[in-house]
């Protein structure tokens, strides 16, 4: 007798709402949270540097770990939601395909769905991280994390907390595709360049992260400009108004180098972490 559809260890059940799905979903949420927290802490200085450069504030070595725990806490739902949502999307596509392999488009779309949903969820946290890192003041006093939340809510309610969410979603779609699909593709086609699979996988993580960091730089730049106005005390400019305020469109590539470095490190950390410490986060297809 074949494995039961209610067996959590079964890989044959393709029902996206089965017990197996919820079993693995819980695992991906748990392991993804621990992995992303570790990557967030280690990569916090790079995140701080790219945020300051892209917003136009002067970075300081003394403040490179400012908001490190807030960054880690905000990264927890980012990776865990991306991987768990991607998992559910892939289960849906496998069921729809009736046993046939997933297409490249379906794999990319799954990563986009996972990353986009995660981007929506972490948008308020991203706003708080940015404004805390750049030491926003009110009445001559630097605001704390909680005071930033209160002030943003006072000025515009829930909508002000989710300011910049559209660009955060667009940005994180590329992240999801990077470490859920592109890293494996690069590792596969460059395997002959290296003496071991370990090196090709690491190379795939770094290069896919750098590509995602560069490709998502304009959307993250616009996100930072928008969220930097969250506590401005006035009506926030629209994206077209922000764009028209630039002397040249090329300004949206400001900070692209530290950004590529930050995302390359993050994707490399996630790829290696999944491989060595959290194998349950790897795809089973």
Protein backbone atom coordinates (compact mmCIF):
# COMPACT_ATOMS: atom_id res chain seq x y z
CA UNK A 1 0.00 0.00 0.00
CA UNK A 2 1.32 3.41 -0.96
CA UNK A 3 1.87 6.25 1.51
CA UNK A 4 -1.24 7.80 2.97
CA UNK A 5 -2.32 11.28 1.99
CA UNK A 6 -2.38 12.11 5.68
CA UNK A 7 1.20 10.99 6.31
CA UNK A 8 3.28 14.10 7.06
CA UNK A 9 6.40 12.45 5.64
CA UNK A 10 4.78 11.61 2.34
CA UNK A 11 6.04 13.49 -0.71
CA UNK A 12 3.43 12.03 -3.02
CA UNK A 13 0.52 14.09 -1.79
CA UNK A 14 0.09 17.17 -3.96
CA UNK A 15 -2.97 18.62 -2.25
CA UNK A 16 -1.91 22.21 -1.36
CA UNK A 17 -4.11 22.08 1.77
CA UNK A 18 -3.17 18.57 2.97
CA UNK A 19 -1.75 17.65 6.38
CA UNK A 20 1.60 17.17 4.67
CA UNK A 21 1.49 20.76 3.46
CA UNK A 22 0.80 22.14 6.93
CA UNK A 23 3.49 19.88 8.43
CA UNK A 24 6.17 21.20 6.07
CA UNK A 25 4.75 24.72 6.26
CA UNK A 26 5.34 24.75 10.00
CA UNK A 27 8.89 23.48 9.48
CA UNK A 28 9.67 26.12 6.88
CA UNK A 29 8.29 28.91 9.06
CA UNK A 30 10.34 27.74 12.05
CA UNK A 31 13.61 27.03 10.28
CA UNK A 32 13.25 30.02 7.97
CA UNK A 33 12.80 32.28 11.00
CA UNK A 34 15.98 31.02 12.68
CA UNK A 35 18.02 31.19 9.48
CA UNK A 36 16.88 34.68 8.51
CA UNK A 37 17.49 36.01 12.03
CA UNK A 38 21.11 34.85 11.88
CA UNK A 39 21.64 36.29 8.41
CA UNK A 40 19.98 39.55 9.48
CA UNK A 41 22.31 40.00 12.45
CA UNK A 42 25.48 39.24 10.48
CA UNK A 43 24.44 41.38 7.52
CA UNK A 44 23.18 44.34 9.54
CA UNK A 45 26.22 46.58 8.88
CA UNK A 46 25.84 46.13 5.12
CA UNK A 47 22.12 46.84 5.38
CA UNK A 48 22.85 50.01 7.36
CA UNK A 49 25.46 51.15 4.83
CA UNK A 50 23.22 50.72 1.79
CA UNK A 51 20.26 52.41 3.52
CA UNK A 52 22.33 55.46 4.47
CA UNK A 53 23.97 55.76 1.04
CA UNK A 54 20.67 55.39 -0.83
CA UNK A 55 18.86 57.90 1.39
CA UNK A 56 21.70 60.39 1.25
CA UNK A 57 22.67 60.30 4.93
CA UNK A 58 26.29 60.04 6.03
CA UNK A 59 27.05 56.51 7.32
CA UNK A 60 29.11 56.08 10.47
CA UNK A 61 31.17 53.07 11.52
CA UNK A 62 30.08 53.78 15.08
CA UNK A 63 26.43 53.25 14.12
CA UNK A 64 26.87 50.30 11.75
CA UNK A 65 25.06 47.98 14.18
CA UNK A 66 22.35 50.50 15.04
CA UNK A 67 19.03 48.68 15.02
CA UNK A 68 20.69 45.29 14.52
CA UNK A 69 18.09 43.38 16.54
CA UNK A 70 15.28 45.28 14.88
CA UNK A 71 16.76 44.34 11.50
CA UNK A 72 16.98 40.68 12.53
CA UNK A 73 13.41 40.63 13.88
CA UNK A 74 12.17 42.24 10.66
CA UNK A 75 14.07 39.70 8.55
CA UNK A 76 12.45 36.77 10.37
CA UNK A 77 9.06 37.04 8.63
CA UNK A 78 10.81 38.03 5.41
CA UNK A 79 12.55 34.72 4.64
CA UNK A 80 10.14 32.44 6.51
CA UNK A 81 7.05 33.85 4.77
CA UNK A 82 8.83 33.81 1.40
CA UNK A 83 9.81 30.14 1.69
CA UNK A 84 6.51 28.95 3.14
CA UNK A 85 4.39 30.84 0.60
CA UNK A 86 6.65 29.60 -2.20
CA UNK A 87 6.13 26.06 -0.91
CA UNK A 88 2.33 26.36 -1.01
CA UNK A 89 2.46 27.89 -4.51
CA UNK A 90 4.64 25.04 -5.76
CA UNK A 91 2.26 22.48 -4.27
CA UNK A 92 -0.56 24.15 -6.18
CA UNK A 93 1.36 24.08 -9.46
CA UNK A 94 2.38 20.42 -8.98
CA UNK A 95 -1.25 19.49 -8.43
CA UNK A 96 -2.30 21.51 -11.46
CA UNK A 97 0.38 19.83 -13.62
CA UNK A 98 -0.89 16.33 -12.67
CA UNK A 99 2.54 14.79 -12.17
CA UNK A 100 4.38 16.74 -14.85
CA UNK A 101 7.48 18.76 -13.80
CA UNK A 102 7.00 22.41 -12.99
CA UNK A 103 7.87 24.83 -15.76
CA UNK A 104 10.54 27.49 -15.33
CA UNK A 105 7.83 30.15 -15.39
CA UNK A 106 5.95 28.42 -12.56
CA UNK A 107 9.10 28.25 -10.42
CA UNK A 108 9.84 31.93 -11.00
CA UNK A 109 6.20 32.84 -10.30
CA UNK A 110 6.27 30.85 -7.04
CA UNK A 111 9.33 32.81 -5.91
CA UNK A 112 7.65 36.09 -6.87
CA UNK A 113 4.49 35.20 -4.96
CA UNK A 114 6.48 34.26 -1.87
CA UNK A 115 8.72 37.32 -2.02
CA UNK A 116 5.89 39.73 -2.80
CA UNK A 117 3.73 38.57 0.11
CA UNK A 118 6.72 38.75 2.46
CA UNK A 119 7.49 42.27 1.23
CA UNK A 120 3.98 43.39 2.12
CA UNK A 121 4.26 41.91 5.62
CA UNK A 122 7.64 43.47 6.46
CA UNK A 123 6.99 46.95 5.00
CA UNK A 124 6.15 48.58 8.39
CA UNK A 125 9.29 47.09 9.92
CA UNK A 126 11.39 48.37 7.02
CA UNK A 127 10.04 51.87 7.60
CA UNK A 128 10.94 51.72 11.30
CA UNK A 129 14.43 50.31 10.60
CA UNK A 130 15.25 53.07 8.08
CA UNK A 131 14.11 55.95 10.26
CA UNK A 132 15.74 54.49 13.38
CA UNK A 133 19.04 54.01 11.55
CA UNK A 134 19.08 57.60 10.31
CA UNK A 135 18.21 58.95 13.79
CA UNK A 136 15.02 60.85 13.05
CA UNK A 137 14.45 63.68 15.55
CA UNK A 138 11.40 65.43 16.93
CA UNK A 139 11.69 68.49 19.18
CA UNK A 140 15.47 67.96 19.32
CA UNK A 141 15.17 64.37 20.55
CA UNK A 142 16.13 61.24 18.61
CA UNK A 143 13.05 59.02 18.41
CA UNK A 144 13.11 55.46 19.72
CA UNK A 145 11.70 52.55 17.72
CA UNK A 146 8.35 52.67 19.51
CA UNK A 147 8.16 56.45 19.18
CA UNK A 148 8.71 56.11 15.41
CA UNK A 149 5.74 53.74 15.21
CA UNK A 150 3.55 56.05 17.31
CA UNK A 151 4.52 59.16 15.33
CA UNK A 152 3.90 57.49 11.97
CA UNK A 153 0.51 56.22 13.15
CA UNK A 154 -0.38 59.65 14.53
CA UNK A 155 0.38 61.31 11.21
CA UNK A 156 -1.41 58.87 8.92
CA UNK A 157 -2.79 55.83 10.69
CA UNK A 158 -2.20 52.29 9.42
CA UNK A 159 -1.62 53.57 5.87
CA UNK A 160 1.40 55.56 7.03
CA UNK A 161 2.90 52.45 8.67
CA UNK A 162 2.64 50.62 5.34
CA UNK A 163 4.14 53.48 3.36
CA UNK A 164 6.40 52.19 0.59
CA UNK A 165 4.86 48.71 0.71
CA UNK A 166 4.40 48.61 -3.08
CA UNK A 167 8.12 49.01 -3.74
CA UNK A 168 9.00 46.63 -0.90
CA UNK A 169 6.87 43.96 -2.59
CA UNK A 170 8.46 44.56 -6.01
CA UNK A 171 11.92 44.47 -4.43
CA UNK A 172 11.33 41.26 -2.47
CA UNK A 173 9.93 39.42 -5.48
CA UNK A 174 13.46 39.48 -6.87
CA UNK A 175 14.88 38.23 -3.58
CA UNK A 176 12.56 35.23 -3.60
CA UNK A 177 13.49 34.31 -7.16
CA UNK A 178 17.20 34.73 -6.33
CA UNK A 179 17.53 32.19 -3.54
CA UNK A 180 14.64 29.89 -4.47
CA UNK A 181 15.49 29.44 -8.15
CA UNK A 182 18.33 31.49 -9.66
CA UNK A 183 21.03 30.37 -7.20
CA UNK A 184 20.45 26.71 -8.13
CA UNK A 185 20.48 27.50 -11.85
CA UNK A 186 23.80 29.34 -11.63
CA UNK A 187 25.31 26.58 -9.48
CA UNK A 188 24.16 23.96 -12.00
CA UNK A 189 25.63 25.67 -15.07
CA UNK A 190 28.91 26.66 -13.41
CA UNK A 191 29.55 23.30 -11.72
CA UNK A 192 32.31 22.54 -14.24
CA UNK A 193 34.24 25.62 -13.18
CA UNK A 194 34.91 24.29 -9.70
CA UNK A 195 36.44 21.21 -8.16
CA UNK A 196 33.58 20.65 -5.74
CA UNK A 197 29.83 21.09 -5.65
CA UNK A 198 30.23 23.08 -2.44
CA UNK A 199 32.04 25.88 -4.27
CA UNK A 200 29.59 26.02 -7.16
CA UNK A 201 26.63 26.29 -4.74
CA UNK A 202 28.37 29.11 -2.85
CA UNK A 203 29.17 30.84 -6.14
CA UNK A 204 25.53 30.52 -7.21
CA UNK A 205 24.34 32.15 -4.00
CA UNK A 206 26.75 35.08 -4.26
CA UNK A 207 26.15 35.81 -7.95
CA UNK A 208 22.36 35.40 -7.78
CA UNK A 209 22.30 37.73 -4.77
CA UNK A 210 24.40 40.34 -6.56
CA UNK A 211 22.09 40.14 -9.60
CA UNK A 212 18.99 40.48 -7.42
CA UNK A 213 20.58 43.37 -5.52
CA UNK A 214 21.35 45.24 -8.72
CA UNK A 215 18.01 44.51 -10.38
CA UNK A 216 16.03 45.60 -7.31
CA UNK A 217 18.12 48.70 -6.61
CA UNK A 218 15.71 51.21 -8.27
CA UNK A 219 12.68 49.82 -6.39
CA UNK A 220 14.55 49.85 -3.08
CA UNK A 221 15.77 53.38 -3.75
CA UNK A 222 12.19 54.55 -4.30
CA UNK A 223 11.07 52.61 -1.22
CA UNK A 224 13.68 54.37 0.92
CA UNK A 225 12.75 57.83 -0.40
CA UNK A 226 9.08 57.15 0.34
CA UNK A 227 9.59 55.68 3.80
CA UNK A 228 12.00 58.47 4.68
CA UNK A 229 9.02 60.84 4.41
CA UNK A 230 6.87 58.80 6.81
CA UNK A 231 7.53 61.20 9.70
CA UNK A 232 7.72 64.38 7.64
CA UNK A 233 4.50 65.77 9.08
CA UNK A 234 3.10 66.56 5.64
CA UNK A 235 1.42 64.81 2.75
CA UNK A 236 3.84 62.28 1.34
CA UNK A 237 4.86 62.71 -2.29
CA UNK A 238 3.65 60.16 -4.81
CA UNK A 239 6.15 57.98 -6.68
CA UNK A 240 5.86 60.08 -9.89
CA UNK A 241 6.47 63.24 -7.84
CA UNK A 242 9.51 61.67 -6.19
CA UNK A 243 10.80 60.54 -9.59
CA UNK A 244 10.35 64.01 -11.12
CA UNK A 245 12.32 65.53 -8.26
CA UNK A 246 15.47 63.69 -9.40
CA UNK A 247 17.92 65.58 -11.63
CA UNK A 248 18.45 62.37 -13.63
CA UNK A 249 16.94 58.85 -13.59
CA UNK A 250 20.41 57.45 -12.95
CA UNK A 251 20.18 58.70 -9.36
CA UNK A 252 18.03 55.62 -8.66
CA UNK A 253 21.20 53.54 -8.99
CA UNK A 254 22.78 55.42 -6.09
CA UNK A 255 24.21 52.96 -3.61
CA UNK A 256 23.95 50.03 -6.01
CA UNK A 257 27.41 48.66 -5.09
CA UNK A 258 26.83 48.35 -1.32
CA UNK A 259 23.36 47.08 -2.11
CA UNK A 260 24.66 44.31 -4.38
CA UNK A 261 27.12 43.38 -1.64
CA UNK A 262 24.42 43.31 1.03
CA UNK A 263 22.04 41.13 -0.98
CA UNK A 264 24.85 38.87 -2.20
CA UNK A 265 25.77 38.21 1.42
CA UNK A 266 22.13 37.64 2.40
CA UNK A 267 21.39 35.18 -0.42
CA UNK A 268 24.71 33.39 0.12
CA UNK A 269 23.84 33.04 3.82
CA UNK A 270 20.37 31.67 3.08
CA UNK A 271 21.63 29.24 0.41
CA UNK A 272 24.43 27.90 2.62
CA UNK A 273 22.22 27.87 5.71
CA UNK A 274 19.56 25.80 3.95
CA UNK A 275 22.20 23.40 2.70
CA UNK A 276 24.15 22.82 5.92
CA UNK A 277 21.89 23.66 8.86
CA UNK A 278 18.26 23.61 7.70
CA UNK A 279 17.92 20.94 4.96
CA UNK A 280 14.14 20.85 5.44
CA UNK A 281 14.06 24.24 3.72
CA UNK A 282 15.38 22.71 0.48
CA UNK A 283 12.89 21.90 -2.28
CA UNK A 284 11.97 18.29 -2.76
CA UNK A 285 11.49 18.48 -6.51
